[in-house]
Amino acid sequence: MQLLEFIISPLTWVFQTVYEGIFAATGNYGISIILLSLVATLITSPIARKARELEQKEKVRQDEMAPLVAAARERYKGRDRFEKIDEIYQAHGYHPIKSMASLAPLLLQLPFLLAALFMLVNYPPLAGQGFLFVQDLSKPDALALLPGSYALNILPIALTAIALLDSFTKPEATAQSRRRFLIVSLVLLALIYPFPAAVCLYWLCSNFWSLIRSQFSAVTASNREPAPAKSDS
C-alpha cells in the first residue's frame, strides 16, 4: 500500500491543492469534496468517453458471435466445443480477455479514486467537521442505528447502489459485464465500508456524476439515430 501511495503521490498532491483552493472559495469542507469530485469527473470525461466507445465495440462483436457460439455449445462437446468456439473467436478477432472492457471506465477512474482516498483518509482539517447529516467527515458516517446500538454506514452502500445503477442502465453493457461489475462492486463495498465519510462522499458524488454523464450520453446517442424511413402506402 505504501508503494501505491508513493506512485499516486503526485496526483494526491494535485488533489489536495485543488481541494484547498475550492475550500478557500466555499469555506465548507463537504461542498468542497463534492466540487472536487465534479472537477475530477470533468477532467476524466474524454477518457471515460473512449472507454464507453470501446465497450460498445465489444458488445457489438459479442452480439455478432452470440448465435454462432450458442450453436457450437449445443452441437459440440468437450474438446470439439472448445476448438469450435475458439475458431469463432479468431474469425471475429476476439479474445475472452476483451470482455474485461466493461471494467475499463472503473479502472481508468481508479487512480483518481485512490488519490482522493489517500488525501482524505488522513486529512487533519476534516476532524470534527460535519456536513448535512454526517457528524464527522473524518470518521465512518454511522447514519443508521440498528438494534444493539450497531451503527450502519449508509454512504458506502449508497455509492455502490449508484455505481450498479449506472452499470445496469448502460445500453452497451452485456449480461456478462453486468455480472462482473456486480462482483467487483460488492468487493469494493466490503473494502470501503469502514472508510471515513469524506472518502465515501467523494466516491458517491463521482459515481453520481458518472451516472448523469452516462444518461446524457445515452440520450444524445439516441437523438442522433436516424428515424426509421416511412414506407409508401
C-alpha atoms as a PDB file:
ATOM      1  CA  MET A   1       0.000   0.000   0.000  1.00  0.00           C
ATOM      2  CA  GLN A   2       2.870   2.380   0.776  1.00  0.00           C
ATOM      3  CA  LEU A   3       4.352   1.777  -2.675  1.00  0.00           C
ATOM      4  CA  LEU A   4       0.991   2.505  -4.295  1.00  0.00           C
ATOM      5  CA  GLU A   5       0.605   5.635  -2.202  1.00  0.00           C
ATOM      6  CA  PHE A   6       4.067   6.777  -3.341  1.00  0.00           C
ATOM      7  CA  ILE A   7       3.206   6.182  -7.001  1.00  0.00           C
ATOM      8  CA  ILE A   8      -0.046   8.109  -6.689  1.00  0.00           C
ATOM      9  CA  SER A   9       1.501  10.869  -4.544  1.00  0.00           C
ATOM     10  CA  PRO A  10       1.870  13.455  -7.375  1.00  0.00           C
ATOM     11  CA  LEU A  11      -1.824  13.129  -8.198  1.00  0.00           C
ATOM     12  CA  THR A  12      -2.673  13.194  -4.498  1.00  0.00           C
ATOM     13  CA  TRP A  13      -0.764  16.478  -4.162  1.00  0.00           C
ATOM     14  CA  VAL A  14      -2.709  17.927  -7.095  1.00  0.00           C
ATOM     15  CA  PHE A  15      -5.976  16.826  -5.478  1.00  0.00           C
ATOM     16  CA  GLN A  16      -5.071  18.440  -2.176  1.00  0.00           C
ATOM     17  CA  THR A  17      -4.023  21.672  -3.885  1.00  0.00           C
ATOM     18  CA  VAL A  18      -7.278  21.845  -5.860  1.00  0.00           C
ATOM     19  CA  TYR A  19      -9.324  20.901  -2.794  1.00  0.00           C
ATOM     20  CA  GLU A  20      -7.764  23.611  -0.662  1.00  0.00           C
ATOM     21  CA  GLY A  21      -8.352  26.145  -3.428  1.00  0.00           C
ATOM     22  CA  ILE A  22     -12.027  25.159  -3.597  1.00  0.00           C
ATOM     23  CA  PHE A  23     -12.324  25.310   0.191  1.00  0.00           C
ATOM     24  CA  ALA A  24     -10.824  28.792   0.189  1.00  0.00           C
ATOM     25  CA  ALA A  25     -13.691  29.840  -2.096  1.00  0.00           C
ATOM     26  CA  THR A  26     -16.530  27.934  -0.387  1.00  0.00           C
ATOM     27  CA  GLY A  27     -15.499  27.703   3.261  1.00  0.00           C
ATOM     28  CA  ASN A  28     -17.331  24.352   3.501  1.00  0.00           C
ATOM     29  CA  TYR A  29     -15.498  21.008   3.648  1.00  0.00           C
ATOM     30  CA  GLY A  30     -18.409  18.918   2.379  1.00  0.00           C
ATOM     31  CA  ILE A  31     -19.249  21.171  -0.561  1.00  0.00           C
ATOM     32  CA  SER A  32     -15.547  21.300  -1.415  1.00  0.00           C
ATOM     33  CA  ILE A  33     -15.460  17.486  -1.596  1.00  0.00           C
ATOM     34  CA  ILE A  34     -18.478  17.485  -3.923  1.00  0.00           C
ATOM     35  CA  LEU A  35     -16.913  20.117  -6.191  1.00  0.00           C
ATOM     36  CA  LEU A  36     -13.579  18.272  -6.180  1.00  0.00           C
ATOM     37  CA  SER A  37     -15.333  15.146  -7.455  1.00  0.00           C
ATOM     38  CA  LEU A  38     -17.009  17.223 -10.163  1.00  0.00           C
ATOM     39  CA  VAL A  39     -13.666  18.677 -11.291  1.00  0.00           C
ATOM     40  CA  ALA A  40     -12.150  15.173 -11.468  1.00  0.00           C
ATOM     41  CA  THR A  41     -15.170  13.928 -13.436  1.00  0.00           C
ATOM     42  CA  LEU A  42     -14.841  16.746 -15.973  1.00  0.00           C
ATOM     43  CA  ILE A  43     -11.130  16.052 -16.383  1.00  0.00           C
ATOM     44  CA  THR A  44     -11.664  12.326 -16.949  1.00  0.00           C
ATOM     45  CA  SER A  45     -14.661  12.756 -19.281  1.00  0.00           C
ATOM     46  CA  PRO A  46     -12.651  12.295 -22.522  1.00  0.00           C
ATOM     47  CA  ILE A  47     -11.085   9.113 -21.126  1.00  0.00           C
ATOM     48  CA  ALA A  48     -14.467   7.813 -19.985  1.00  0.00           C
ATOM     49  CA  ARG A  49     -15.933   8.514 -23.424  1.00  0.00           C
ATOM     50  CA  LYS A  50     -13.205   6.453 -25.107  1.00  0.00           C
ATOM     51  CA  ALA A  51     -13.811   3.648 -22.616  1.00  0.00           C
ATOM     52  CA  ARG A  52     -17.537   3.638 -23.425  1.00  0.00           C
ATOM     53  CA  GLU A  53     -16.771   3.505 -27.151  1.00  0.00           C
ATOM     54  CA  LEU A  54     -14.506   0.513 -26.554  1.00  0.00           C
ATOM     55  CA  GLU A  55     -17.212  -1.190 -24.505  1.00  0.00           C
ATOM     56  CA  GLN A  56     -19.776  -0.555 -27.241  1.00  0.00           C
ATOM     57  CA  LYS A  57     -17.498  -2.103 -29.898  1.00  0.00           C
ATOM     58  CA  GLU A  58     -17.022  -5.190 -27.779  1.00  0.00           C
ATOM     59  CA  LYS A  59     -20.774  -5.504 -27.236  1.00  0.00           C
ATOM     60  CA  VAL A  60     -21.428  -5.351 -30.989  1.00  0.00           C
ATOM     61  CA  ARG A  61     -18.796  -8.022 -31.565  1.00  0.00           C
ATOM     62  CA  GLN A  62     -20.216 -10.278 -28.850  1.00  0.00           C
ATOM     63  CA  ASP A  63     -23.737  -9.847 -30.238  1.00  0.00           C
ATOM     64  CA  GLU A  64     -22.494 -10.934 -33.670  1.00  0.00           C
ATOM     65  CA  MET A  65     -20.850 -14.048 -32.235  1.00  0.00           C
ATOM     66  CA  ALA A  66     -23.607 -14.983 -29.795  1.00  0.00           C
ATOM     67  CA  PRO A  67     -25.747 -17.109 -32.197  1.00  0.00           C
ATOM     68  CA  LEU A  68     -22.661 -18.931 -33.503  1.00  0.00           C
ATOM     69  CA  VAL A  69     -21.324 -19.621 -30.020  1.00  0.00           C
ATOM     70  CA  ALA A  70     -24.750 -20.826 -28.833  1.00  0.00           C
ATOM     71  CA  ALA A  71     -24.985 -23.201 -31.803  1.00  0.00           C
ATOM     72  CA  ALA A  72     -21.492 -24.526 -31.111  1.00  0.00           C
ATOM     73  CA  ARG A  73     -22.312 -25.144 -27.462  1.00  0.00           C
ATOM     74  CA  GLU A  74     -25.425 -27.060 -28.458  1.00  0.00           C
ATOM     75  CA  ARG A  75     -23.833 -29.113 -31.216  1.00  0.00           C
ATOM     76  CA  TYR A  76     -20.375 -29.949 -29.844  1.00  0.00           C
ATOM     77  CA  LYS A  77     -18.998 -31.267 -26.580  1.00  0.00           C
ATOM     78  CA  GLY A  78     -15.670 -31.381 -24.810  1.00  0.00           C
ATOM     79  CA  ARG A  79     -12.573 -30.540 -26.839  1.00  0.00           C
ATOM     80  CA  ASP A  80     -14.524 -30.134 -30.069  1.00  0.00           C
ATOM     81  CA  ARG A  81     -16.719 -27.477 -28.471  1.00  0.00           C
ATOM     82  CA  PHE A  82     -13.673 -25.572 -27.178  1.00  0.00           C
ATOM     83  CA  GLU A  83     -11.954 -25.655 -30.582  1.00  0.00           C
ATOM     84  CA  LYS A  84     -15.095 -24.605 -32.466  1.00  0.00           C
ATOM     85  CA  ILE A  85     -15.738 -21.655 -30.150  1.00  0.00           C
ATOM     86  CA  ASP A  86     -12.073 -20.676 -30.418  1.00  0.00           C
ATOM     87  CA  GLU A  87     -12.430 -20.693 -34.225  1.00  0.00           C
ATOM     88  CA  ILE A  88     -15.398 -18.343 -33.934  1.00  0.00           C
ATOM     89  CA  TYR A  89     -13.418 -16.025 -31.681  1.00  0.00           C
ATOM     90  CA  GLN A  90     -10.452 -15.987 -34.076  1.00  0.00           C
ATOM     91  CA  ALA A  91     -12.686 -15.334 -37.078  1.00  0.00           C
ATOM     92  CA  HIS A  92     -14.076 -12.257 -35.320  1.00  0.00           C
ATOM     93  CA  GLY A  93     -10.729 -11.100 -33.954  1.00  0.00           C
ATOM     94  CA  TYR A  94     -11.953 -11.600 -30.406  1.00  0.00           C
ATOM     95  CA  HIS A  95     -10.322 -12.854 -27.218  1.00  0.00           C
ATOM     96  CA  PRO A  96     -12.214 -13.513 -23.953  1.00  0.00           C
ATOM     97  CA  ILE A  97      -9.892 -11.109 -22.140  1.00  0.00           C
ATOM     98  CA  LYS A  98     -11.526  -8.325 -24.162  1.00  0.00           C
ATOM     99  CA  SER A  99     -14.712  -8.898 -22.211  1.00  0.00           C
ATOM    100  CA  MET A 100     -12.942  -7.024 -19.415  1.00  0.00           C
ATOM    101  CA  ALA A 101     -13.562  -3.853 -21.431  1.00  0.00           C
ATOM    102  CA  SER A 102     -16.664  -3.339 -19.311  1.00  0.00           C
ATOM    103  CA  LEU A 103     -14.384  -2.574 -16.374  1.00  0.00           C
ATOM    104  CA  ALA A 104     -12.343  -0.023 -18.324  1.00  0.00           C
ATOM    105  CA  PRO A 105     -14.234   3.047 -17.006  1.00  0.00           C
ATOM    106  CA  LEU A 106     -13.723   1.872 -13.426  1.00  0.00           C
ATOM    107  CA  LEU A 107     -10.032   1.088 -13.975  1.00  0.00           C
ATOM    108  CA  LEU A 108      -9.430   4.460 -15.607  1.00  0.00           C
ATOM    109  CA  GLN A 109     -11.036   6.224 -12.665  1.00  0.00           C
ATOM    110  CA  LEU A 110      -9.097   4.178 -10.129  1.00  0.00           C
ATOM    111  CA  PRO A 111      -6.011   6.461  -9.884  1.00  0.00           C
ATOM    112  CA  PHE A 112      -8.282   9.435  -9.181  1.00  0.00           C
ATOM    113  CA  LEU A 113     -10.297   7.490  -6.610  1.00  0.00           C
ATOM    114  CA  LEU A 114      -7.094   6.363  -4.915  1.00  0.00           C
ATOM    115  CA  ALA A 115      -5.716   9.902  -4.914  1.00  0.00           C
ATOM    116  CA  ALA A 116      -8.883  11.090  -3.186  1.00  0.00           C
ATOM    117  CA  LEU A 117      -8.614   8.196  -0.732  1.00  0.00           C
ATOM    118  CA  PHE A 118      -5.000   8.936   0.211  1.00  0.00           C
ATOM    119  CA  MET A 119      -5.733  12.641   0.561  1.00  0.00           C
ATOM    120  CA  LEU A 120      -8.976  12.477   2.530  1.00  0.00           C
ATOM    121  CA  VAL A 121      -8.416   9.459   4.762  1.00  0.00           C
ATOM    122  CA  ASN A 122      -5.830  11.300   6.871  1.00  0.00           C
ATOM    123  CA  TYR A 123      -6.612  14.965   6.257  1.00  0.00           C
ATOM    124  CA  PRO A 124      -6.388  16.650   9.710  1.00  0.00           C
ATOM    125  CA  PRO A 125      -8.647  19.655   8.955  1.00  0.00           C
ATOM    126  CA  LEU A 126     -11.613  17.278   8.480  1.00  0.00           C
ATOM    127  CA  ALA A 127     -11.537  16.094  12.100  1.00  0.00           C
ATOM    128  CA  GLY A 128     -14.771  17.100  13.795  1.00  0.00           C
ATOM    129  CA  GLN A 129     -16.171  18.735  10.669  1.00  0.00           C
ATOM    130  CA  GLY A 130     -19.776  17.786   9.874  1.00  0.00           C
ATOM    131  CA  PHE A 131     -21.750  18.026   6.650  1.00  0.00           C
ATOM    132  CA  LEU A 132     -25.527  17.654   6.345  1.00  0.00           C
ATOM    133  CA  PHE A 133     -26.403  14.514   8.327  1.00  0.00           C
ATOM    134  CA  VAL A 134     -22.776  13.407   8.783  1.00  0.00           C
ATOM    135  CA  GLN A 135     -21.433  14.373  12.202  1.00  0.00           C
ATOM    136  CA  ASP A 136     -17.722  13.942  11.432  1.00  0.00           C
ATOM    137  CA  LEU A 137     -16.286  13.668   7.924  1.00  0.00           C
ATOM    138  CA  SER A 138     -13.089  12.115   9.265  1.00  0.00           C
ATOM    139  CA  LYS A 139     -14.984   9.060  10.586  1.00  0.00           C
ATOM    140  CA  PRO A 140     -17.418   6.497   9.102  1.00  0.00           C
ATOM    141  CA  ASP A 141     -20.815   8.131   8.673  1.00  0.00           C
ATOM    142  CA  ALA A 142     -22.793   5.818  11.049  1.00  0.00           C
ATOM    143  CA  LEU A 143     -26.008   7.343   9.732  1.00  0.00           C
ATOM    144  CA  ALA A 144     -28.280   4.477  10.741  1.00  0.00           C
ATOM    145  CA  LEU A 145     -28.547   2.854  14.143  1.00  0.00           C
ATOM    146  CA  LEU A 146     -29.539  -0.793  14.255  1.00  0.00           C
ATOM    147  CA  PRO A 147     -30.723  -2.808  17.259  1.00  0.00           C
ATOM    148  CA  GLY A 148     -27.935  -3.413  19.709  1.00  0.00           C
ATOM    149  CA  SER A 149     -26.506   0.092  19.178  1.00  0.00           C
ATOM    150  CA  TYR A 150     -24.811  -1.046  15.980  1.00  0.00           C
ATOM    151  CA  ALA A 151     -24.135   1.820  13.571  1.00  0.00           C
ATOM    152  CA  LEU A 152     -24.669   1.205   9.870  1.00  0.00           C
ATOM    153  CA  ASN A 153     -22.661   3.231   7.365  1.00  0.00           C
ATOM    154  CA  ILE A 154     -25.021   4.413   4.629  1.00  0.00           C
ATOM    155  CA  LEU A 155     -22.685   6.291   2.277  1.00  0.00           C
ATOM    156  CA  PRO A 156     -20.713   3.197   1.128  1.00  0.00           C
ATOM    157  CA  ILE A 157     -23.985   1.387   0.406  1.00  0.00           C
ATOM    158  CA  ALA A 158     -25.398   4.395  -1.448  1.00  0.00           C
ATOM    159  CA  LEU A 159     -22.327   4.873  -3.640  1.00  0.00           C
ATOM    160  CA  THR A 160     -22.341   1.160  -4.533  1.00  0.00           C
ATOM    161  CA  ALA A 161     -26.042   1.348  -5.432  1.00  0.00           C
ATOM    162  CA  ILE A 162     -25.407   4.324  -7.727  1.00  0.00           C
ATOM    163  CA  ALA A 163     -22.482   2.535  -9.396  1.00  0.00           C
ATOM    164  CA  LEU A 164     -24.654  -0.532 -10.040  1.00  0.00           C
ATOM    165  CA  LEU A 165     -27.487   1.624 -11.367  1.00  0.00           C
ATOM    166  CA  ASP A 166     -25.030   3.267 -13.752  1.00  0.00           C
ATOM    167  CA  SER A 167     -23.745  -0.109 -14.937  1.00  0.00           C
ATOM    168  CA  PHE A 168     -27.158  -1.754 -15.327  1.00  0.00           C
ATOM    169  CA  THR A 169     -28.669   1.155 -17.277  1.00  0.00           C
ATOM    170  CA  LYS A 170     -25.881   1.413 -19.838  1.00  0.00           C
ATOM    171  CA  PRO A 171     -27.217   0.221 -23.210  1.00  0.00           C
ATOM    172  CA  GLU A 172     -23.754  -1.008 -24.231  1.00  0.00           C
ATOM    173  CA  ALA A 173     -23.451  -3.301 -21.200  1.00  0.00           C
ATOM    174  CA  THR A 174     -23.934  -7.041 -21.601  1.00  0.00           C
ATOM    175  CA  ALA A 175     -25.352  -9.507 -19.085  1.00  0.00           C
ATOM    176  CA  GLN A 176     -21.854 -10.879 -18.572  1.00  0.00           C
ATOM    177  CA  SER A 177     -20.332  -7.448 -17.998  1.00  0.00           C
ATOM    178  CA  ARG A 178     -23.091  -6.569 -15.533  1.00  0.00           C
ATOM    179  CA  ARG A 179     -22.478  -9.723 -13.524  1.00  0.00           C
ATOM    180  CA  ARG A 180     -18.756  -8.995 -13.486  1.00  0.00           C
ATOM    181  CA  PHE A 181     -19.326  -5.399 -12.401  1.00  0.00           C
ATOM    182  CA  LEU A 182     -21.686  -6.573  -9.665  1.00  0.00           C
ATOM    183  CA  ILE A 183     -18.990  -8.826  -8.206  1.00  0.00           C
ATOM    184  CA  VAL A 184     -16.354  -6.073  -8.359  1.00  0.00           C
ATOM    185  CA  SER A 185     -18.751  -3.569  -6.773  1.00  0.00           C
ATOM    186  CA  LEU A 186     -19.563  -5.878  -3.866  1.00  0.00           C
ATOM    187  CA  VAL A 187     -15.863  -6.489  -3.238  1.00  0.00           C
ATOM    188  CA  LEU A 188     -15.221  -2.736  -3.273  1.00  0.00           C
ATOM    189  CA  LEU A 189     -18.145  -2.203  -0.909  1.00  0.00           C
ATOM    190  CA  ALA A 190     -16.568  -4.577   1.598  1.00  0.00           C
ATOM    191  CA  LEU A 191     -13.244  -2.739   1.291  1.00  0.00           C
ATOM    192  CA  ILE A 192     -14.540   0.838   1.529  1.00  0.00           C
ATOM    193  CA  TYR A 193     -17.264   0.240   4.123  1.00  0.00           C
ATOM    194  CA  PRO A 194     -15.115   1.324   7.125  1.00  0.00           C
ATOM    195  CA  PHE A 195     -13.635   4.358   5.331  1.00  0.00           C
ATOM    196  CA  PRO A 196     -14.198   7.925   6.582  1.00  0.00           C
ATOM    197  CA  ALA A 197     -17.350   9.670   5.409  1.00  0.00           C
ATOM    198  CA  ALA A 198     -15.250  12.187   3.440  1.00  0.00           C
ATOM    199  CA  VAL A 199     -13.868   9.439   1.197  1.00  0.00           C
ATOM    200  CA  CYS A 200     -17.287   7.855   0.698  1.00  0.00           C
ATOM    201  CA  LEU A 201     -18.861  11.245  -0.033  1.00  0.00           C
ATOM    202  CA  TYR A 202     -16.267  11.836  -2.752  1.00  0.00           C
ATOM    203  CA  TRP A 203     -16.821   8.405  -4.308  1.00  0.00           C
ATOM    204  CA  LEU A 204     -20.592   8.734  -4.052  1.00  0.00           C
ATOM    205  CA  CYS A 205     -20.501  12.056  -5.912  1.00  0.00           C
ATOM    206  CA  SER A 206     -18.105  10.644  -8.509  1.00  0.00           C
ATOM    207  CA  ASN A 207     -20.496   7.762  -9.163  1.00  0.00           C
ATOM    208  CA  PHE A 208     -23.423  10.176  -9.343  1.00  0.00           C
ATOM    209  CA  TRP A 209     -21.649  12.394 -11.914  1.00  0.00           C
ATOM    210  CA  SER A 210     -20.762   9.250 -13.871  1.00  0.00           C
ATOM    211  CA  LEU A 211     -24.433   8.189 -13.854  1.00  0.00           C
ATOM    212  CA  ILE A 212     -25.509  11.621 -15.110  1.00  0.00           C
ATOM    213  CA  ARG A 213     -22.834  11.527 -17.800  1.00  0.00           C
ATOM    214  CA  SER A 214     -23.887   8.058 -18.946  1.00  0.00           C
ATOM    215  CA  GLN A 215     -27.566   9.007 -19.127  1.00  0.00           C
ATOM    216  CA  PHE A 216     -26.739  12.185 -21.031  1.00  0.00           C
ATOM    217  CA  SER A 217     -24.584  10.228 -23.487  1.00  0.00           C
ATOM    218  CA  ALA A 218     -27.355   7.670 -23.992  1.00  0.00           C
ATOM    219  CA  VAL A 219     -29.935  10.376 -24.692  1.00  0.00           C
ATOM    220  CA  THR A 220     -27.555  12.186 -27.049  1.00  0.00           C
ATOM    221  CA  ALA A 221     -26.793   8.969 -28.930  1.00  0.00           C
ATOM    222  CA  SER A 222     -30.482   8.096 -29.298  1.00  0.00           C
ATOM    223  CA  ASN A 223     -31.232  11.582 -30.625  1.00  0.00           C
ATOM    224  CA  ARG A 224     -28.532  11.135 -33.266  1.00  0.00           C
ATOM    225  CA  GLU A 225     -30.036   7.882 -34.536  1.00  0.00           C
ATOM    226  CA  PRO A 226     -31.886   8.366 -37.830  1.00  0.00           C
ATOM    227  CA  ALA A 227     -35.624   7.970 -37.740  1.00  0.00           C
ATOM    228  CA  PRO A 228     -36.963   4.868 -39.498  1.00  0.00           C
ATOM    229  CA  ALA A 229     -37.931   5.509 -43.094  1.00  0.00           C
ATOM    230  CA  LYS A 230     -41.643   5.697 -43.795  1.00  0.00           C
ATOM    231  CA  SER A 231     -42.905   3.105 -46.224  1.00  0.00           C
ATOM    232  CA  ASP A 232     -45.048   4.193 -49.133  1.00  0.00           C
ATOM    233  CA  SER A 233     -48.619   3.039 -48.844  1.00  0.00           C
END
